[in-house]
Amino acid sequence: MLDHDVLATVVAVAETGNMTRAAEAVNRSQSAVSMQIKSLEDAIGRPLFVRKPRSIVLTREGEVLLGFARRMLALRDEAWAAVVRPEVTGKVVIGVPDDYASSLLPSVLKKFSATYPKVEIQVIGLPSSALAPLLKDGTVDLVCGTRIKGLSGDFIRHEPMAWAA
C-alpha cells in the first residue's frame, strides 16, 4: 500500500496544499490523486488530510506519514543513484541570499550530496542583486534568489511569505 507513487502523491499534496497542484507535480489527474489519497486513508483507517474550503492540511497521522514518505523517497533516490547513475565529479558554486541558505538549501543540499557524493558544493551568501554579476561572469554556476533585472531563469519554487509583529 505504501508504494513510491503513493508516497510521492502524499508529499505533493502536503507540499502544495492543493489536489490540483499536487496532480500536476506527480503527472496524474486530480481525480487519480484524490483516489490514491482516499484509498490510502481507507487502508489506514484514519484521515491523513483535513479538507478545507481552499486548502488541504495534514492531520497528526499525516504529519507522521509525511516524514516517513520523504525519507523513503530520498532513500529510493539514493539507492538508484548509487546503482544506476555514473559517478559525477566536479564543483558547483551556488549563490543564494542568506535567508534562503538557512531555509531552502539544507534539504536540497542533503539530497544532492546523497545523489552526487563526489561533487563539491560551495555556497556564496549575498543579496540577490549582488549575485547577478557573479552569475554573468561565471563566478557562480547557479543562483537561487528573487527576480533580478537583466537575468532570466526558470521558476523553481514558490515560497509564501508572512509578516509577523
C-alpha atoms as a PDB file:
ATOM      1  CA  MET A   1       0.000   0.000   0.000  1.00  0.00           C
ATOM      2  CA  LEU A   2       2.908   2.355   0.624  1.00  0.00           C
ATOM      3  CA  ASP A   3       4.436   2.192  -2.826  1.00  0.00           C
ATOM      4  CA  HIS A   4       6.596   5.033  -4.058  1.00  0.00           C
ATOM      5  CA  ASP A   5       3.885   6.518  -6.290  1.00  0.00           C
ATOM      6  CA  VAL A   6       1.502   6.840  -3.349  1.00  0.00           C
ATOM      7  CA  LEU A   7       4.232   8.282  -1.125  1.00  0.00           C
ATOM      8  CA  ALA A   8       5.150  10.830  -3.810  1.00  0.00           C
ATOM      9  CA  THR A   9       1.485  11.803  -4.007  1.00  0.00           C
ATOM     10  CA  VAL A  10       1.260  12.256  -0.225  1.00  0.00           C
ATOM     11  CA  VAL A  11       4.337  14.506  -0.317  1.00  0.00           C
ATOM     12  CA  ALA A  12       2.969  16.517  -3.257  1.00  0.00           C
ATOM     13  CA  VAL A  13      -0.416  17.081  -1.597  1.00  0.00           C
ATOM     14  CA  ALA A  14       1.264  18.064   1.676  1.00  0.00           C
ATOM     15  CA  GLU A  15       3.666  20.479  -0.024  1.00  0.00           C
ATOM     16  CA  THR A  16       1.132  22.128  -2.324  1.00  0.00           C
ATOM     17  CA  GLY A  17      -1.904  22.025  -0.040  1.00  0.00           C
ATOM     18  CA  ASN A  18      -3.992  21.504  -3.150  1.00  0.00           C
ATOM     19  CA  MET A  19      -5.080  18.401  -5.081  1.00  0.00           C
ATOM     20  CA  THR A  20      -4.848  20.087  -8.491  1.00  0.00           C
ATOM     21  CA  ARG A  21      -1.286  21.361  -7.983  1.00  0.00           C
ATOM     22  CA  ALA A  22      -0.297  18.024  -6.441  1.00  0.00           C
ATOM     23  CA  ALA A  23      -1.681  16.255  -9.519  1.00  0.00           C
ATOM     24  CA  GLU A  24       0.475  18.464 -11.744  1.00  0.00           C
ATOM     25  CA  ALA A  25       3.526  17.716  -9.593  1.00  0.00           C
ATOM     26  CA  VAL A  26       3.108  13.938  -9.898  1.00  0.00           C
ATOM     27  CA  ASN A  27       1.835  13.985 -13.506  1.00  0.00           C
ATOM     28  CA  ARG A  28      -1.550  12.494 -12.716  1.00  0.00           C
ATOM     29  CA  SER A  29      -5.114  13.694 -12.982  1.00  0.00           C
ATOM     30  CA  GLN A  30      -6.692  15.398  -9.987  1.00  0.00           C
ATOM     31  CA  SER A  31      -9.166  12.537  -9.654  1.00  0.00           C
ATOM     32  CA  ALA A  32      -6.345   9.957  -9.645  1.00  0.00           C
ATOM     33  CA  VAL A  33      -4.592  11.847  -6.851  1.00  0.00           C
ATOM     34  CA  SER A  34      -7.827  12.087  -4.862  1.00  0.00           C
ATOM     35  CA  MET A  35      -8.430   8.356  -5.319  1.00  0.00           C
ATOM     36  CA  GLN A  36      -4.878   7.490  -4.221  1.00  0.00           C
ATOM     37  CA  ILE A  37      -5.245   9.535  -1.047  1.00  0.00           C
ATOM     38  CA  LYS A  38      -8.729   8.134  -0.347  1.00  0.00           C
ATOM     39  CA  SER A  39      -7.539   4.534  -0.840  1.00  0.00           C
ATOM     40  CA  LEU A  40      -4.589   5.109   1.480  1.00  0.00           C
ATOM     41  CA  GLU A  41      -6.799   6.716   4.123  1.00  0.00           C
ATOM     42  CA  ASP A  42      -9.232   3.785   3.848  1.00  0.00           C
ATOM     43  CA  ALA A  43      -6.386   1.284   4.250  1.00  0.00           C
ATOM     44  CA  ILE A  44      -5.017   3.124   7.285  1.00  0.00           C
ATOM     45  CA  GLY A  45      -8.459   3.685   8.725  1.00  0.00           C
ATOM     46  CA  ARG A  46      -7.765   7.320   9.518  1.00  0.00           C
ATOM     47  CA  PRO A  47      -7.719  10.574   7.590  1.00  0.00           C
ATOM     48  CA  LEU A  48      -4.314  11.894   6.582  1.00  0.00           C
ATOM     49  CA  PHE A  49      -5.596  15.272   5.438  1.00  0.00           C
ATOM     50  CA  VAL A  50      -8.255  17.723   6.540  1.00  0.00           C
ATOM     51  CA  ARG A  51     -10.008  19.221   3.548  1.00  0.00           C
ATOM     52  CA  LYS A  52     -10.707  22.914   3.993  1.00  0.00           C
ATOM     53  CA  PRO A  53     -12.538  25.189   1.535  1.00  0.00           C
ATOM     54  CA  ARG A  54      -9.356  26.404  -0.162  1.00  0.00           C
ATOM     55  CA  SER A  55      -6.642  24.067   1.053  1.00  0.00           C
ATOM     56  CA  ILE A  56      -5.760  20.674   2.392  1.00  0.00           C
ATOM     57  CA  VAL A  57      -3.734  20.292   5.589  1.00  0.00           C
ATOM     58  CA  LEU A  58      -2.173  17.268   7.235  1.00  0.00           C
ATOM     59  CA  THR A  59      -3.632  15.554  10.279  1.00  0.00           C
ATOM     60  CA  ARG A  60      -1.287  14.343  13.018  1.00  0.00           C
ATOM     61  CA  GLU A  61      -1.167  10.940  11.320  1.00  0.00           C
ATOM     62  CA  GLY A  62      -0.484  12.659   8.016  1.00  0.00           C
ATOM     63  CA  GLU A  63       2.475  14.524   9.529  1.00  0.00           C
ATOM     64  CA  VAL A  64       3.923  11.237  10.781  1.00  0.00           C
ATOM     65  CA  LEU A  65       3.482   9.566   7.396  1.00  0.00           C
ATOM     66  CA  LEU A  66       4.937  12.598   5.585  1.00  0.00           C
ATOM     67  CA  GLY A  67       8.220  12.264   7.479  1.00  0.00           C
ATOM     68  CA  PHE A  68       8.493   8.592   6.567  1.00  0.00           C
ATOM     69  CA  ALA A  69       7.440   9.263   2.967  1.00  0.00           C
ATOM     70  CA  ARG A  70      10.164  11.854   2.470  1.00  0.00           C
ATOM     71  CA  ARG A  71      12.807   9.562   3.955  1.00  0.00           C
ATOM     72  CA  MET A  72      11.662   6.565   1.905  1.00  0.00           C
ATOM     73  CA  LEU A  73      11.667   8.559  -1.333  1.00  0.00           C
ATOM     74  CA  ALA A  74      15.092  10.018  -0.549  1.00  0.00           C
ATOM     75  CA  LEU A  75      16.445   6.538   0.178  1.00  0.00           C
ATOM     76  CA  ARG A  76      14.979   5.242  -3.095  1.00  0.00           C
ATOM     77  CA  ASP A  77      16.664   8.097  -4.986  1.00  0.00           C
ATOM     78  CA  GLU A  78      19.948   7.485  -3.192  1.00  0.00           C
ATOM     79  CA  ALA A  79      19.852   3.752  -3.987  1.00  0.00           C
ATOM     80  CA  TRP A  80      19.023   4.454  -7.617  1.00  0.00           C
ATOM     81  CA  ALA A  81      21.863   6.950  -7.890  1.00  0.00           C
ATOM     82  CA  ALA A  82      24.345   4.544  -6.333  1.00  0.00           C
ATOM     83  CA  VAL A  83      23.461   1.737  -8.729  1.00  0.00           C
ATOM     84  CA  VAL A  84      22.458   3.413 -11.980  1.00  0.00           C
ATOM     85  CA  ARG A  85      23.992   6.845 -12.377  1.00  0.00           C
ATOM     86  CA  PRO A  86      27.603   7.182 -13.445  1.00  0.00           C
ATOM     87  CA  GLU A  87      29.969   8.791 -10.979  1.00  0.00           C
ATOM     88  CA  VAL A  88      29.648  12.554 -11.342  1.00  0.00           C
ATOM     89  CA  THR A  89      32.501  14.699 -10.067  1.00  0.00           C
ATOM     90  CA  GLY A  90      33.325  18.375 -10.057  1.00  0.00           C
ATOM     91  CA  LYS A  91      32.417  21.543  -8.261  1.00  0.00           C
ATOM     92  CA  VAL A  92      29.221  23.597  -8.221  1.00  0.00           C
ATOM     93  CA  VAL A  93      29.154  27.135  -6.852  1.00  0.00           C
ATOM     94  CA  ILE A  94      25.713  28.252  -5.705  1.00  0.00           C
ATOM     95  CA  GLY A  95      24.861  31.871  -4.945  1.00  0.00           C
ATOM     96  CA  VAL A  96      22.000  32.372  -2.543  1.00  0.00           C
ATOM     97  CA  PRO A  97      20.711  35.085  -0.196  1.00  0.00           C
ATOM     98  CA  ASP A  98      21.384  34.258   3.462  1.00  0.00           C
ATOM     99  CA  ASP A  99      17.713  33.792   4.356  1.00  0.00           C
ATOM    100  CA  TYR A 100      17.335  31.154   1.613  1.00  0.00           C
ATOM    101  CA  ALA A 101      20.575  29.498   2.666  1.00  0.00           C
ATOM    102  CA  SER A 102      19.123  28.643   6.063  1.00  0.00           C
ATOM    103  CA  SER A 103      15.597  27.717   4.961  1.00  0.00           C
ATOM    104  CA  LEU A 104      15.745  26.351   1.424  1.00  0.00           C
ATOM    105  CA  LEU A 105      19.202  24.891   0.949  1.00  0.00           C
ATOM    106  CA  PRO A 106      19.663  22.327   3.748  1.00  0.00           C
ATOM    107  CA  SER A 107      17.181  19.789   2.391  1.00  0.00           C
ATOM    108  CA  VAL A 108      18.226  20.398  -1.221  1.00  0.00           C
ATOM    109  CA  LEU A 109      21.935  20.077  -0.442  1.00  0.00           C
ATOM    110  CA  LYS A 110      21.372  16.934   1.624  1.00  0.00           C
ATOM    111  CA  LYS A 111      19.575  15.242  -1.262  1.00  0.00           C
ATOM    112  CA  PHE A 112      22.092  16.497  -3.837  1.00  0.00           C
ATOM    113  CA  SER A 113      25.050  15.310  -1.744  1.00  0.00           C
ATOM    114  CA  ALA A 114      23.468  11.889  -1.298  1.00  0.00           C
ATOM    115  CA  THR A 115      22.879  11.621  -5.034  1.00  0.00           C
ATOM    116  CA  TYR A 116      26.243  13.080  -6.113  1.00  0.00           C
ATOM    117  CA  PRO A 117      28.690  12.434  -3.255  1.00  0.00           C
ATOM    118  CA  LYS A 118      31.765  13.282  -5.374  1.00  0.00           C
ATOM    119  CA  VAL A 119      30.553  16.773  -6.313  1.00  0.00           C
ATOM    120  CA  GLU A 120      31.966  19.590  -4.195  1.00  0.00           C
ATOM    121  CA  ILE A 121      29.413  22.276  -3.363  1.00  0.00           C
ATOM    122  CA  GLN A 122      30.376  25.828  -2.485  1.00  0.00           C
ATOM    123  CA  VAL A 123      27.720  28.271  -1.292  1.00  0.00           C
ATOM    124  CA  ILE A 124      28.139  32.039  -1.551  1.00  0.00           C
ATOM    125  CA  GLY A 125      25.681  34.027   0.541  1.00  0.00           C
ATOM    126  CA  LEU A 126      24.913  37.508  -0.806  1.00  0.00           C
ATOM    127  CA  PRO A 127      21.809  39.562  -1.643  1.00  0.00           C
ATOM    128  CA  SER A 128      20.156  38.609  -4.941  1.00  0.00           C
ATOM    129  CA  SER A 129      21.227  41.872  -6.589  1.00  0.00           C
ATOM    130  CA  ALA A 130      24.890  41.192  -5.730  1.00  0.00           C
ATOM    131  CA  LEU A 131      24.685  37.666  -7.144  1.00  0.00           C
ATOM    132  CA  ALA A 132      23.621  38.755 -10.648  1.00  0.00           C
ATOM    133  CA  PRO A 133      27.080  39.964 -11.755  1.00  0.00           C
ATOM    134  CA  LEU A 134      28.677  36.817 -10.295  1.00  0.00           C
ATOM    135  CA  LEU A 135      26.366  34.648 -12.372  1.00  0.00           C
ATOM    136  CA  LYS A 136      27.048  36.667 -15.523  1.00  0.00           C
ATOM    137  CA  ASP A 137      30.842  36.429 -15.120  1.00  0.00           C
ATOM    138  CA  GLY A 138      30.779  32.722 -14.212  1.00  0.00           C
ATOM    139  CA  THR A 139      31.892  33.068 -10.597  1.00  0.00           C
ATOM    140  CA  VAL A 140      28.751  31.190  -9.557  1.00  0.00           C
ATOM    141  CA  ASP A 141      27.105  28.412 -11.537  1.00  0.00           C
ATOM    142  CA  LEU A 142      23.629  28.776 -10.122  1.00  0.00           C
ATOM    143  CA  VAL A 143      21.670  31.447  -8.260  1.00  0.00           C
ATOM    144  CA  CYS A 144      18.636  30.831  -6.085  1.00  0.00           C
ATOM    145  CA  GLY A 145      17.052  34.159  -5.348  1.00  0.00           C
ATOM    146  CA  THR A 146      14.369  36.643  -6.077  1.00  0.00           C
ATOM    147  CA  ARG A 147      13.826  38.043  -9.546  1.00  0.00           C
ATOM    148  CA  ILE A 148      16.798  40.029 -10.723  1.00  0.00           C
ATOM    149  CA  LYS A 149      16.628  42.614 -13.509  1.00  0.00           C
ATOM    150  CA  GLY A 150      18.637  41.596 -16.521  1.00  0.00           C
ATOM    151  CA  LEU A 151      18.601  37.885 -15.707  1.00  0.00           C
ATOM    152  CA  SER A 152      16.221  35.260 -16.907  1.00  0.00           C
ATOM    153  CA  GLY A 153      15.745  31.857 -15.383  1.00  0.00           C
ATOM    154  CA  ASP A 154      13.353  29.111 -14.545  1.00  0.00           C
ATOM    155  CA  PHE A 155      10.818  29.365 -11.761  1.00  0.00           C
ATOM    156  CA  ILE A 156      11.538  26.502  -9.370  1.00  0.00           C
ATOM    157  CA  ARG A 157       9.529  27.075  -6.236  1.00  0.00           C
ATOM    158  CA  HIS A 158       7.045  29.472  -4.708  1.00  0.00           C
ATOM    159  CA  GLU A 159       7.564  30.431  -1.066  1.00  0.00           C
ATOM    160  CA  PRO A 160       4.666  32.039   0.769  1.00  0.00           C
ATOM    161  CA  MET A 161       5.615  34.954   2.973  1.00  0.00           C
ATOM    162  CA  ALA A 162       4.019  36.342   6.087  1.00  0.00           C
ATOM    163  CA  TRP A 163       4.698  39.361   8.229  1.00  0.00           C
ATOM    164  CA  ALA A 164       4.750  38.956  11.974  1.00  0.00           C
ATOM    165  CA  ALA A 165       4.825  41.718  14.507  1.00  0.00           C
END
